């Protein structure tokens, strides 16, 4: 894993992956984080994020960008053995990420965030591209902070 990353590039890459139609929000976040941090993990980790877009399987519940971000927090900080107390730190970080989004947008619910928008419209896509970049950026900042890595943009 790289010890120095560009948070601006992580955000930009995630937005572009969504904008071009390569991936939806959660997948774009996972792909951008994986490639920019040069994480040695199988490509299937991106596939694991494929069920979260449009509020988890098009149910319009929790924003898929937030879900993808939480998924990657689990990769970096989650536990793999039952009873491991580091789950508490992971929960704290997950709360920080979702609260940041909620502070900026008042809601986590895709249905509310996209209310009145045509799902195929430019307005809807532009908003979701922005949400994807926002979560990728915040997530990258948290990972850099917690693992004491270097943001080369500073």
C-alpha atoms as a PDB file:
ATOM      1  CA  UNK A   1       0.000   0.000   0.000  1.00  0.00           C
ATOM      2  CA  UNK A   2       1.215   3.459  -0.872  1.00  0.00           C
ATOM      3  CA  UNK A   3       2.213   5.744   1.973  1.00  0.00           C
ATOM      4  CA  UNK A   4       1.689   8.926  -0.079  1.00  0.00           C
ATOM      5  CA  UNK A   5      -1.497   9.680  -2.038  1.00  0.00           C
ATOM      6  CA  UNK A   6      -3.225  12.592  -3.704  1.00  0.00           C
ATOM      7  CA  UNK A   7      -6.629  13.093  -2.125  1.00  0.00           C
ATOM      8  CA  UNK A   8      -7.594  15.377  -5.008  1.00  0.00           C
ATOM      9  CA  UNK A   9      -6.824  12.574  -7.473  1.00  0.00           C
ATOM     10  CA  UNK A  10      -8.798  10.037  -5.437  1.00  0.00           C
ATOM     11  CA  UNK A  11     -11.826  12.335  -5.534  1.00  0.00           C
ATOM     12  CA  UNK A  12     -11.374  13.136  -9.227  1.00  0.00           C
ATOM     13  CA  UNK A  13     -10.898   9.484 -10.203  1.00  0.00           C
ATOM     14  CA  UNK A  14     -14.031   8.398  -8.315  1.00  0.00           C
ATOM     15  CA  UNK A  15     -16.084  11.155  -9.931  1.00  0.00           C
ATOM     16  CA  UNK A  16     -14.783  10.319 -13.405  1.00  0.00           C
ATOM     17  CA  UNK A  17     -15.448   6.590 -13.034  1.00  0.00           C
ATOM     18  CA  UNK A  18     -19.073   7.417 -12.245  1.00  0.00           C
ATOM     19  CA  UNK A  19     -19.410  10.217 -14.808  1.00  0.00           C
ATOM     20  CA  UNK A  20     -18.126   8.013 -17.663  1.00  0.00           C
ATOM     21  CA  UNK A  21     -20.514   5.245 -16.680  1.00  0.00           C
ATOM     22  CA  UNK A  22     -17.787   2.742 -15.832  1.00  0.00           C
ATOM     23  CA  UNK A  23     -19.152   2.285 -12.311  1.00  0.00           C
ATOM     24  CA  UNK A  24     -21.909   3.493 -10.031  1.00  0.00           C
ATOM     25  CA  UNK A  25     -21.150   5.453  -6.855  1.00  0.00           C
ATOM     26  CA  UNK A  26     -20.108   2.722  -4.423  1.00  0.00           C
ATOM     27  CA  UNK A  27     -18.090   0.858  -7.043  1.00  0.00           C
ATOM     28  CA  UNK A  28     -16.328   4.050  -8.158  1.00  0.00           C
ATOM     29  CA  UNK A  29     -15.277   4.810  -4.589  1.00  0.00           C
ATOM     30  CA  UNK A  30     -13.906   1.309  -4.019  1.00  0.00           C
ATOM     31  CA  UNK A  31     -12.086   1.325  -7.373  1.00  0.00           C
ATOM     32  CA  UNK A  32     -10.544   4.757  -6.817  1.00  0.00           C
ATOM     33  CA  UNK A  33      -9.391   3.931  -3.289  1.00  0.00           C
ATOM     34  CA  UNK A  34      -8.025   0.550  -4.383  1.00  0.00           C
ATOM     35  CA  UNK A  35      -6.035   1.963  -7.291  1.00  0.00           C
ATOM     36  CA  UNK A  36      -4.786   5.172  -5.681  1.00  0.00           C
ATOM     37  CA  UNK A  37      -3.670   3.502  -2.455  1.00  0.00           C
ATOM     38  CA  UNK A  38      -2.362   0.593  -4.585  1.00  0.00           C
ATOM     39  CA  UNK A  39      -4.046  -1.903  -2.296  1.00  0.00           C
ATOM     40  CA  UNK A  40      -3.209  -5.526  -2.947  1.00  0.00           C
ATOM     41  CA  UNK A  41      -6.716  -6.956  -3.028  1.00  0.00           C
ATOM     42  CA  UNK A  42      -8.678  -8.868  -5.618  1.00  0.00           C
ATOM     43  CA  UNK A  43     -10.821  -7.007  -8.137  1.00  0.00           C
ATOM     44  CA  UNK A  44     -13.804  -8.793  -6.588  1.00  0.00           C
ATOM     45  CA  UNK A  45     -13.741  -6.193  -3.819  1.00  0.00           C
ATOM     46  CA  UNK A  46     -15.204  -3.797  -6.407  1.00  0.00           C
ATOM     47  CA  UNK A  47     -17.859  -6.384  -7.246  1.00  0.00           C
ATOM     48  CA  UNK A  48     -18.798  -6.512  -3.554  1.00  0.00           C
ATOM     49  CA  UNK A  49     -19.872  -2.874  -3.870  1.00  0.00           C
ATOM     50  CA  UNK A  50     -22.186  -3.531  -6.829  1.00  0.00           C
ATOM     51  CA  UNK A  51     -25.333  -3.988  -4.735  1.00  0.00           C
ATOM     52  CA  UNK A  52     -25.224  -0.599  -3.014  1.00  0.00           C
ATOM     53  CA  UNK A  53     -26.067   1.892  -5.810  1.00  0.00           C
ATOM     54  CA  UNK A  54     -29.368   3.754  -5.896  1.00  0.00           C
ATOM     55  CA  UNK A  55     -29.838   3.310  -2.180  1.00  0.00           C
ATOM     56  CA  UNK A  56     -29.018  -0.420  -1.890  1.00  0.00           C
ATOM     57  CA  UNK A  57     -30.303  -2.391  -4.848  1.00  0.00           C
ATOM     58  CA  UNK A  58     -32.404   0.484  -6.222  1.00  0.00           C
ATOM     59  CA  UNK A  59     -34.468   0.593  -3.007  1.00  0.00           C
ATOM     60  CA  UNK A  60     -33.494   4.259  -2.591  1.00  0.00           C
ATOM     61  CA  UNK A  61     -32.588   3.762   1.058  1.00  0.00           C
ATOM     62  CA  UNK A  62     -29.040   4.633   2.203  1.00  0.00           C
ATOM     63  CA  UNK A  63     -27.013   6.585  -0.374  1.00  0.00           C
ATOM     64  CA  UNK A  64     -24.761   4.157  -2.241  1.00  0.00           C
ATOM     65  CA  UNK A  65     -21.777   6.490  -2.010  1.00  0.00           C
ATOM     66  CA  UNK A  66     -22.005   6.416   1.781  1.00  0.00           C
ATOM     67  CA  UNK A  67     -22.361   2.622   1.725  1.00  0.00           C
ATOM     68  CA  UNK A  68     -19.272   2.257  -0.481  1.00  0.00           C
ATOM     69  CA  UNK A  69     -17.305   4.523   1.823  1.00  0.00           C
ATOM     70  CA  UNK A  70     -18.328   2.535   4.893  1.00  0.00           C
ATOM     71  CA  UNK A  71     -17.359  -0.656   3.092  1.00  0.00           C
ATOM     72  CA  UNK A  72     -13.832   0.656   2.519  1.00  0.00           C
ATOM     73  CA  UNK A  73     -13.538   1.849   6.110  1.00  0.00           C
ATOM     74  CA  UNK A  74     -14.202  -1.753   7.059  1.00  0.00           C
ATOM     75  CA  UNK A  75     -11.396  -2.878   4.776  1.00  0.00           C
ATOM     76  CA  UNK A  76      -8.880  -0.570   6.424  1.00  0.00           C
ATOM     77  CA  UNK A  77     -10.046  -0.714  10.030  1.00  0.00           C
ATOM     78  CA  UNK A  78     -12.515  -3.581  10.442  1.00  0.00           C
ATOM     79  CA  UNK A  79     -12.051  -6.830  12.266  1.00  0.00           C
ATOM     80  CA  UNK A  80     -11.633 -10.296  10.867  1.00  0.00           C
ATOM     81  CA  UNK A  81     -11.901 -12.233  14.142  1.00  0.00           C
ATOM     82  CA  UNK A  82     -14.892 -12.333  16.432  1.00  0.00           C
ATOM     83  CA  UNK A  83     -14.439 -10.484  19.682  1.00  0.00           C
ATOM     84  CA  UNK A  84     -11.749  -8.162  18.308  1.00  0.00           C
ATOM     85  CA  UNK A  85     -12.325  -4.833  20.041  1.00  0.00           C
ATOM     86  CA  UNK A  86     -11.054  -2.776  17.102  1.00  0.00           C
ATOM     87  CA  UNK A  87     -14.632  -2.909  15.821  1.00  0.00           C
ATOM     88  CA  UNK A  88     -15.294   0.015  18.169  1.00  0.00           C
ATOM     89  CA  UNK A  89     -12.863   2.249  16.249  1.00  0.00           C
ATOM     90  CA  UNK A  90     -14.410   1.119  12.956  1.00  0.00           C
ATOM     91  CA  UNK A  91     -17.872   2.043  14.197  1.00  0.00           C
ATOM     92  CA  UNK A  92     -16.573   5.424  15.344  1.00  0.00           C
ATOM     93  CA  UNK A  93     -15.052   6.111  11.921  1.00  0.00           C
ATOM     94  CA  UNK A  94     -18.176   4.901  10.103  1.00  0.00           C
ATOM     95  CA  UNK A  95     -20.239   7.269  12.212  1.00  0.00           C
ATOM     96  CA  UNK A  96     -17.857  10.123  11.376  1.00  0.00           C
ATOM     97  CA  UNK A  97     -18.191   9.452   7.640  1.00  0.00           C
ATOM     98  CA  UNK A  98     -21.975   9.211   7.604  1.00  0.00           C
ATOM     99  CA  UNK A  99     -22.343  12.200   9.929  1.00  0.00           C
ATOM    100  CA  UNK A 100     -20.176  14.306   7.633  1.00  0.00           C
ATOM    101  CA  UNK A 101     -22.488  13.468   4.731  1.00  0.00           C
ATOM    102  CA  UNK A 102     -25.573  14.076   6.849  1.00  0.00           C
ATOM    103  CA  UNK A 103     -24.201  17.436   8.023  1.00  0.00           C
ATOM    104  CA  UNK A 104     -23.720  18.458   4.388  1.00  0.00           C
ATOM    105  CA  UNK A 105     -27.012  17.118   3.015  1.00  0.00           C
ATOM    106  CA  UNK A 106     -29.316  16.580   6.033  1.00  0.00           C
ATOM    107  CA  UNK A 107     -30.214  13.031   4.933  1.00  0.00           C
ATOM    108  CA  UNK A 108     -28.661   9.690   4.040  1.00  0.00           C
ATOM    109  CA  UNK A 109     -31.756   8.476   2.225  1.00  0.00           C
ATOM    110  CA  UNK A 110     -31.408   8.342  -1.577  1.00  0.00           C
ATOM    111  CA  UNK A 111     -35.160   8.815  -2.004  1.00  0.00           C
ATOM    112  CA  UNK A 112     -35.032  12.150  -0.172  1.00  0.00           C
ATOM    113  CA  UNK A 113     -31.755  13.252  -1.766  1.00  0.00           C
ATOM    114  CA  UNK A 114     -33.132  12.650  -5.266  1.00  0.00           C
ATOM    115  CA  UNK A 115     -36.739  13.710  -4.622  1.00  0.00           C
ATOM    116  CA  UNK A 116     -38.269  15.280  -7.714  1.00  0.00           C
ATOM    117  CA  UNK A 117     -35.359  14.317  -9.962  1.00  0.00           C
ATOM    118  CA  UNK A 118     -35.642  12.162 -13.040  1.00  0.00           C
ATOM    119  CA  UNK A 119     -33.284   9.236 -12.395  1.00  0.00           C
ATOM    120  CA  UNK A 120     -31.940   9.487 -15.947  1.00  0.00           C
ATOM    121  CA  UNK A 121     -31.513  13.251 -15.880  1.00  0.00           C
ATOM    122  CA  UNK A 122     -28.319  15.249 -15.881  1.00  0.00           C
ATOM    123  CA  UNK A 123     -29.305  16.833 -12.563  1.00  0.00           C
ATOM    124  CA  UNK A 124     -29.541  13.450 -10.858  1.00  0.00           C
ATOM    125  CA  UNK A 125     -26.280  12.151 -12.328  1.00  0.00           C
ATOM    126  CA  UNK A 126     -24.399  15.371 -11.522  1.00  0.00           C
ATOM    127  CA  UNK A 127     -25.571  15.218  -7.926  1.00  0.00           C
ATOM    128  CA  UNK A 128     -24.529  11.589  -7.557  1.00  0.00           C
ATOM    129  CA  UNK A 129     -21.144  12.252  -9.159  1.00  0.00           C
ATOM    130  CA  UNK A 130     -20.640  15.029  -6.599  1.00  0.00           C
ATOM    131  CA  UNK A 131     -21.706  12.742  -3.710  1.00  0.00           C
ATOM    132  CA  UNK A 132     -19.278  10.087  -4.968  1.00  0.00           C
ATOM    133  CA  UNK A 133     -16.400  12.566  -5.015  1.00  0.00           C
ATOM    134  CA  UNK A 134     -17.347  13.960  -1.620  1.00  0.00           C
ATOM    135  CA  UNK A 135     -17.328  10.543   0.052  1.00  0.00           C
ATOM    136  CA  UNK A 136     -14.142   9.410  -1.729  1.00  0.00           C
ATOM    137  CA  UNK A 137     -12.407  12.586  -0.556  1.00  0.00           C
ATOM    138  CA  UNK A 138     -13.623  12.369   3.050  1.00  0.00           C
ATOM    139  CA  UNK A 139     -12.788   8.660   3.216  1.00  0.00           C
ATOM    140  CA  UNK A 140      -9.290   9.259   1.842  1.00  0.00           C
ATOM    141  CA  UNK A 141      -8.724  12.060   4.363  1.00  0.00           C
ATOM    142  CA  UNK A 142      -9.762   9.764   7.196  1.00  0.00           C
ATOM    143  CA  UNK A 143      -7.509   6.925   6.013  1.00  0.00           C
ATOM    144  CA  UNK A 144      -4.563   9.310   5.625  1.00  0.00           C
ATOM    145  CA  UNK A 145      -5.201  10.738   9.099  1.00  0.00           C
ATOM    146  CA  UNK A 146      -5.716   7.414  10.867  1.00  0.00           C
ATOM    147  CA  UNK A 147      -2.811   5.583   9.223  1.00  0.00           C
ATOM    148  CA  UNK A 148      -0.556   8.646   9.386  1.00  0.00           C
ATOM    149  CA  UNK A 149       0.039   8.666   5.643  1.00  0.00           C
ATOM    150  CA  UNK A 150       0.951  11.653   3.474  1.00  0.00           C
ATOM    151  CA  UNK A 151      -1.420  13.674   1.320  1.00  0.00           C
ATOM    152  CA  UNK A 152       0.877  14.935  -1.447  1.00  0.00           C
ATOM    153  CA  UNK A 153      -1.583  17.770  -2.154  1.00  0.00           C
ATOM    154  CA  UNK A 154      -0.609  19.524   1.080  1.00  0.00           C
END
